[in-house]
Amino acid sequence: MLEEDLLDAAEAAARAIVDSRVRHFFDAEKRAGKTVASTLGGEGRIAWDIYLFYPKGSLWEDQPPVPRLWMHQLTRSVWANAAHQYRGVDLVRELDKSMRALGFASAVHVDE
């Protein structure tokens, strides 16, 4: 979403999250962000800073499935539902809660 969002920066950022359940992709044309936004009711928008949780076995085919749980950090979004917005410690807590709801062990430690 930023001018400096190039392949090298994406590869460096991907090294921050190493988990067999996580897949990292670089999409210079923002096709995935447009498709995900459309799935969440943001037709014509682009999703970024967004966290999507799908049940095990979910398949992305022509269009992605609607996520079971999702959240974002888009403070001034006109399309992303504000009820799904979290930042800072609240975001970390909600990510942990979502992981637990899907049956994954917590990998998060929150310092107050």
N, C-alpha and C. Protein backbone atom coordinates (compact mmCIF):
# COMPACT_ATOMS: atom_id res chain seq x y z
N MET A 1 0.81 -1.19 0.00
CA MET A 1 0.00 0.00 0.00
C MET A 1 0.86 1.25 0.00
N LEU A 2 2.11 1.10 0.37
CA LEU A 2 3.03 2.24 0.39
C LEU A 2 4.01 2.13 -0.76
N GLU A 3 4.57 3.25 -1.13
CA GLU A 3 5.53 3.28 -2.24
C GLU A 3 6.71 2.33 -2.01
N GLU A 4 7.10 2.19 -0.75
CA GLU A 4 8.25 1.34 -0.43
C GLU A 4 7.88 -0.14 -0.27
N ASP A 5 6.64 -0.51 -0.51
CA ASP A 5 6.20 -1.89 -0.42
C ASP A 5 6.64 -2.68 -1.66
N LEU A 6 7.91 -3.02 -1.68
CA LEU A 6 8.49 -3.75 -2.80
C LEU A 6 8.83 -5.17 -2.36
N LEU A 7 9.24 -6.00 -3.29
CA LEU A 7 9.51 -7.41 -3.01
C LEU A 7 10.52 -7.58 -1.88
N ASP A 8 11.60 -6.82 -1.88
CA ASP A 8 12.62 -6.96 -0.81
C ASP A 8 12.01 -6.69 0.56
N ALA A 9 11.20 -5.66 0.67
CA ALA A 9 10.57 -5.33 1.95
C ALA A 9 9.58 -6.43 2.36
N ALA A 10 8.87 -6.99 1.40
CA ALA A 10 7.92 -8.06 1.70
C ALA A 10 8.65 -9.31 2.19
N GLU A 11 9.76 -9.64 1.58
CA GLU A 11 10.53 -10.81 2.00
C GLU A 11 11.07 -10.62 3.41
N ALA A 12 11.53 -9.42 3.73
CA ALA A 12 12.03 -9.13 5.08
C ALA A 12 10.90 -9.23 6.10
N ALA A 13 9.75 -8.68 5.77
CA ALA A 13 8.60 -8.74 6.69
C ALA A 13 8.14 -10.17 6.90
N ALA A 14 8.19 -10.99 5.88
CA ALA A 14 7.75 -12.38 5.99
C ALA A 14 8.60 -13.17 6.98
N ARG A 15 9.83 -12.78 7.14
CA ARG A 15 10.70 -13.49 8.09
C ARG A 15 10.30 -13.23 9.54
N ALA A 16 9.45 -12.24 9.78
CA ALA A 16 9.01 -11.93 11.14
C ALA A 16 8.00 -12.94 11.67
N ILE A 17 7.30 -13.64 10.76
CA ILE A 17 6.31 -14.64 11.16
C ILE A 17 6.68 -15.95 10.48
N VAL A 18 7.21 -16.86 11.28
CA VAL A 18 7.59 -18.17 10.75
C VAL A 18 6.70 -19.19 11.44
N ASP A 19 5.76 -19.74 10.69
CA ASP A 19 4.79 -20.68 11.23
C ASP A 19 4.27 -21.48 10.04
N SER A 20 4.21 -22.79 10.18
CA SER A 20 3.79 -23.65 9.07
C SER A 20 2.35 -23.36 8.62
N ARG A 21 1.55 -22.72 9.47
CA ARG A 21 0.17 -22.41 9.10
C ARG A 21 0.04 -21.10 8.34
N VAL A 22 1.12 -20.34 8.24
CA VAL A 22 1.10 -19.02 7.62
C VAL A 22 1.72 -19.10 6.24
N ARG A 23 1.08 -18.46 5.28
CA ARG A 23 1.61 -18.36 3.92
C ARG A 23 1.80 -16.90 3.59
N HIS A 24 2.94 -16.57 3.03
CA HIS A 24 3.26 -15.20 2.65
C HIS A 24 3.27 -15.10 1.13
N PHE A 25 2.71 -14.01 0.63
CA PHE A 25 2.67 -13.76 -0.81
C PHE A 25 3.00 -12.30 -1.07
N PHE A 26 3.60 -12.02 -2.19
CA PHE A 26 3.82 -10.64 -2.63
C PHE A 26 2.97 -10.41 -3.86
N ASP A 27 2.17 -9.38 -3.84
CA ASP A 27 1.21 -9.11 -4.90
C ASP A 27 1.29 -7.63 -5.28
N ALA A 28 2.21 -7.30 -6.15
CA ALA A 28 2.44 -5.89 -6.53
C ALA A 28 1.20 -5.25 -7.14
N GLU A 29 0.34 -6.04 -7.74
CA GLU A 29 -0.87 -5.49 -8.39
C GLU A 29 -2.07 -5.43 -7.45
N LYS A 30 -1.89 -5.87 -6.22
CA LYS A 30 -2.92 -5.82 -5.18
C LYS A 30 -4.18 -6.62 -5.52
N ARG A 31 -4.03 -7.63 -6.35
CA ARG A 31 -5.18 -8.45 -6.73
C ARG A 31 -5.80 -9.16 -5.53
N ALA A 32 -4.96 -9.71 -4.66
CA ALA A 32 -5.49 -10.41 -3.48
C ALA A 32 -6.23 -9.43 -2.57
N GLY A 33 -5.66 -8.26 -2.34
CA GLY A 33 -6.31 -7.26 -1.48
C GLY A 33 -7.65 -6.82 -2.02
N LYS A 34 -7.75 -6.67 -3.32
CA LYS A 34 -9.03 -6.29 -3.94
C LYS A 34 -10.06 -7.40 -3.78
N THR A 35 -9.61 -8.64 -3.99
CA THR A 35 -10.53 -9.78 -3.89
C THR A 35 -11.00 -9.98 -2.46
N VAL A 36 -10.08 -9.89 -1.50
CA VAL A 36 -10.45 -10.05 -0.09
C VAL A 36 -11.41 -8.94 0.33
N ALA A 37 -11.13 -7.70 -0.05
CA ALA A 37 -12.02 -6.59 0.30
C ALA A 37 -13.42 -6.85 -0.24
N SER A 38 -13.50 -7.33 -1.46
CA SER A 38 -14.79 -7.63 -2.07
C SER A 38 -15.53 -8.70 -1.27
N THR A 39 -14.82 -9.72 -0.82
CA THR A 39 -15.42 -10.79 -0.02
C THR A 39 -16.00 -10.27 1.28
N LEU A 40 -15.40 -9.20 1.82
CA LEU A 40 -15.83 -8.65 3.11
C LEU A 40 -16.78 -7.46 2.95
N GLY A 41 -17.26 -7.22 1.73
CA GLY A 41 -18.21 -6.14 1.51
C GLY A 41 -17.59 -4.84 1.03
N GLY A 42 -16.32 -4.86 0.66
CA GLY A 42 -15.63 -3.66 0.20
C GLY A 42 -15.37 -3.69 -1.29
N GLU A 43 -16.38 -3.92 -2.07
CA GLU A 43 -16.24 -3.97 -3.53
C GLU A 43 -15.54 -2.71 -4.04
N GLY A 44 -14.49 -2.91 -4.84
CA GLY A 44 -13.74 -1.79 -5.39
C GLY A 44 -12.69 -1.22 -4.45
N ARG A 45 -12.56 -1.77 -3.26
CA ARG A 45 -11.57 -1.32 -2.26
C ARG A 45 -10.40 -2.30 -2.24
N ILE A 46 -9.41 -2.00 -1.40
CA ILE A 46 -8.25 -2.88 -1.24
C ILE A 46 -8.08 -3.17 0.25
N ALA A 47 -7.98 -4.45 0.60
CA ALA A 47 -7.75 -4.85 1.99
C ALA A 47 -6.25 -4.91 2.26
N TRP A 48 -5.83 -4.36 3.39
CA TRP A 48 -4.46 -4.51 3.88
C TRP A 48 -4.52 -4.32 5.39
N ASP A 49 -3.44 -4.67 6.08
CA ASP A 49 -3.45 -4.67 7.54
C ASP A 49 -4.68 -5.39 8.06
N ILE A 50 -4.89 -6.57 7.50
CA ILE A 50 -6.10 -7.33 7.79
C ILE A 50 -5.69 -8.76 8.13
N TYR A 51 -6.42 -9.38 9.04
CA TYR A 51 -6.11 -10.73 9.50
C TYR A 51 -7.34 -11.59 9.25
N LEU A 52 -7.15 -12.67 8.53
CA LEU A 52 -8.24 -13.53 8.13
C LEU A 52 -8.03 -14.93 8.70
N PHE A 53 -9.07 -15.51 9.26
CA PHE A 53 -9.00 -16.85 9.83
C PHE A 53 -10.05 -17.72 9.15
N TYR A 54 -9.58 -18.82 8.57
CA TYR A 54 -10.45 -19.76 7.87
C TYR A 54 -10.41 -21.10 8.59
N PRO A 55 -11.51 -21.81 8.56
CA PRO A 55 -11.50 -23.16 9.14
C PRO A 55 -10.52 -24.05 8.37
N LYS A 56 -9.96 -25.01 9.07
CA LYS A 56 -9.05 -25.97 8.44
C LYS A 56 -9.75 -26.61 7.24
N GLY A 57 -9.01 -26.73 6.16
CA GLY A 57 -9.55 -27.34 4.96
C GLY A 57 -10.23 -26.38 4.00
N SER A 58 -10.32 -25.11 4.37
CA SER A 58 -10.93 -24.13 3.47
C SER A 58 -10.09 -24.00 2.21
N LEU A 59 -10.76 -23.88 1.08
CA LEU A 59 -10.07 -23.75 -0.20
C LEU A 59 -10.39 -22.43 -0.86
N TRP A 60 -9.34 -21.79 -1.38
CA TRP A 60 -9.53 -20.61 -2.20
C TRP A 60 -9.61 -21.10 -3.63
N GLU A 61 -10.72 -20.84 -4.26
CA GLU A 61 -10.88 -21.26 -5.65
C GLU A 61 -10.93 -20.00 -6.51
N ASP A 62 -11.96 -19.80 -7.31
CA ASP A 62 -12.07 -18.57 -8.11
C ASP A 62 -12.13 -17.35 -7.21
N GLN A 63 -12.83 -17.47 -6.11
CA GLN A 63 -12.94 -16.42 -5.11
C GLN A 63 -12.61 -17.04 -3.76
N PRO A 64 -12.04 -16.27 -2.85
CA PRO A 64 -11.78 -16.84 -1.52
C PRO A 64 -13.08 -17.05 -0.77
N PRO A 65 -13.08 -18.01 0.15
CA PRO A 65 -14.27 -18.18 0.98
C PRO A 65 -14.38 -17.00 1.95
N VAL A 66 -15.53 -16.80 2.51
CA VAL A 66 -15.69 -15.78 3.54
C VAL A 66 -14.98 -16.31 4.78
N PRO A 67 -14.11 -15.52 5.40
CA PRO A 67 -13.40 -16.02 6.58
C PRO A 67 -14.36 -16.24 7.75
N ARG A 68 -13.99 -17.18 8.58
CA ARG A 68 -14.80 -17.43 9.79
C ARG A 68 -14.65 -16.27 10.76
N LEU A 69 -13.44 -15.78 10.89
CA LEU A 69 -13.13 -14.65 11.77
C LEU A 69 -12.19 -13.71 11.02
N TRP A 70 -12.30 -12.43 11.28
CA TRP A 70 -11.38 -11.49 10.66
C TRP A 70 -11.31 -10.21 11.48
N MET A 71 -10.20 -9.50 11.31
CA MET A 71 -10.01 -8.22 11.98
C MET A 71 -9.06 -7.37 11.16
N HIS A 72 -9.02 -6.09 11.47
CA HIS A 72 -8.18 -5.16 10.72
C HIS A 72 -7.66 -4.06 11.63
N GLN A 73 -6.74 -3.26 11.09
CA GLN A 73 -6.17 -2.12 11.80
C GLN A 73 -6.45 -0.81 11.06
N LEU A 74 -7.43 -0.80 10.18
CA LEU A 74 -7.69 0.35 9.30
C LEU A 74 -8.49 1.41 10.04
N THR A 75 -7.81 2.37 10.62
CA THR A 75 -8.47 3.35 11.49
C THR A 75 -9.43 4.27 10.78
N ARG A 76 -9.17 4.60 9.53
CA ARG A 76 -10.06 5.52 8.83
C ARG A 76 -10.76 4.84 7.65
N SER A 77 -11.02 3.58 7.78
CA SER A 77 -11.64 2.84 6.69
C SER A 77 -13.11 3.22 6.53
N VAL A 78 -13.51 3.39 5.29
CA VAL A 78 -14.93 3.67 5.02
C VAL A 78 -15.68 2.39 4.68
N TRP A 79 -14.96 1.28 4.56
CA TRP A 79 -15.63 0.03 4.17
C TRP A 79 -15.44 -1.10 5.17
N ALA A 80 -14.28 -1.18 5.83
CA ALA A 80 -14.03 -2.30 6.76
C ALA A 80 -14.80 -2.05 8.06
N ASN A 81 -15.64 -2.98 8.42
CA ASN A 81 -16.51 -2.89 9.59
C ASN A 81 -15.71 -2.51 10.84
N ALA A 82 -16.09 -1.41 11.46
CA ALA A 82 -15.38 -0.93 12.66
C ALA A 82 -15.45 -1.93 13.81
N ALA A 83 -16.44 -2.80 13.83
CA ALA A 83 -16.55 -3.81 14.89
C ALA A 83 -15.41 -4.82 14.81
N HIS A 84 -14.72 -4.87 13.68
CA HIS A 84 -13.60 -5.79 13.48
C HIS A 84 -12.25 -5.08 13.62
N GLN A 85 -12.24 -3.84 14.06
CA GLN A 85 -10.99 -3.07 14.15
C GLN A 85 -10.36 -3.20 15.54
N TYR A 86 -9.07 -3.55 15.55
CA TYR A 86 -8.30 -3.66 16.79
C TYR A 86 -6.91 -3.11 16.53
N ARG A 87 -6.29 -2.57 17.58
CA ARG A 87 -4.92 -2.06 17.47
C ARG A 87 -4.16 -2.40 18.75
N GLY A 88 -2.85 -2.43 18.64
CA GLY A 88 -1.99 -2.63 19.80
C GLY A 88 -2.30 -3.91 20.56
N VAL A 89 -2.34 -3.79 21.88
CA VAL A 89 -2.58 -4.95 22.76
C VAL A 89 -3.94 -5.56 22.48
N ASP A 90 -4.92 -4.75 22.15
CA ASP A 90 -6.25 -5.29 21.83
C ASP A 90 -6.20 -6.18 20.59
N LEU A 91 -5.39 -5.80 19.61
CA LEU A 91 -5.23 -6.62 18.41
C LEU A 91 -4.59 -7.95 18.77
N VAL A 92 -3.55 -7.93 19.57
CA VAL A 92 -2.87 -9.16 19.97
C VAL A 92 -3.83 -10.07 20.72
N ARG A 93 -4.61 -9.52 21.62
CA ARG A 93 -5.58 -10.33 22.36
C ARG A 93 -6.62 -10.94 21.43
N GLU A 94 -7.11 -10.15 20.47
CA GLU A 94 -8.13 -10.67 19.56
C GLU A 94 -7.55 -11.73 18.63
N LEU A 95 -6.31 -11.56 18.20
CA LEU A 95 -5.64 -12.59 17.39
C LEU A 95 -5.54 -13.89 18.19
N ASP A 96 -5.14 -13.78 19.46
CA ASP A 96 -5.04 -14.97 20.32
C ASP A 96 -6.41 -15.61 20.49
N LYS A 97 -7.42 -14.83 20.75
CA LYS A 97 -8.79 -15.34 20.93
C LYS A 97 -9.25 -16.07 19.66
N SER A 98 -8.94 -15.51 18.51
CA SER A 98 -9.33 -16.13 17.24
C SER A 98 -8.62 -17.46 17.03
N MET A 99 -7.33 -17.48 17.34
CA MET A 99 -6.57 -18.73 17.21
C MET A 99 -7.17 -19.81 18.10
N ARG A 100 -7.48 -19.45 19.33
CA ARG A 100 -8.07 -20.41 20.26
C ARG A 100 -9.45 -20.89 19.78
N ALA A 101 -10.24 -19.97 19.22
CA ALA A 101 -11.58 -20.33 18.72
C ALA A 101 -11.49 -21.35 17.59
N LEU A 102 -10.40 -21.32 16.85
CA LEU A 102 -10.21 -22.27 15.76
C LEU A 102 -9.45 -23.52 16.20
N GLY A 103 -9.18 -23.63 17.49
CA GLY A 103 -8.58 -24.84 18.02
C GLY A 103 -7.07 -24.88 18.02
N PHE A 104 -6.43 -23.71 17.81
CA PHE A 104 -4.97 -23.66 17.84
C PHE A 104 -4.50 -23.22 19.21
N ALA A 105 -3.39 -23.77 19.64
CA ALA A 105 -2.80 -23.35 20.91
C ALA A 105 -2.32 -21.92 20.79
N SER A 106 -2.36 -21.21 21.88
CA SER A 106 -1.90 -19.83 21.88
C SER A 106 -0.39 -19.78 21.69
N ALA A 107 0.03 -18.84 20.87
CA ALA A 107 1.46 -18.59 20.69
C ALA A 107 1.76 -17.15 21.04
N VAL A 108 0.86 -16.53 21.77
CA VAL A 108 0.94 -15.10 22.04
C VAL A 108 1.15 -14.85 23.51
N HIS A 109 2.02 -13.92 23.82
CA HIS A 109 2.19 -13.45 25.19
C HIS A 109 2.04 -11.93 25.17
N VAL A 110 1.13 -11.41 25.96
CA VAL A 110 0.87 -9.99 25.98
C VAL A 110 1.41 -9.40 27.26
N ASP A 111 2.33 -8.45 27.11
CA ASP A 111 2.83 -7.69 28.26
C ASP A 111 1.95 -6.46 28.41
N GLU A 112 1.43 -6.26 29.58
CA GLU A 112 0.56 -5.09 29.82
C GLU A 112 1.41 -3.86 29.96
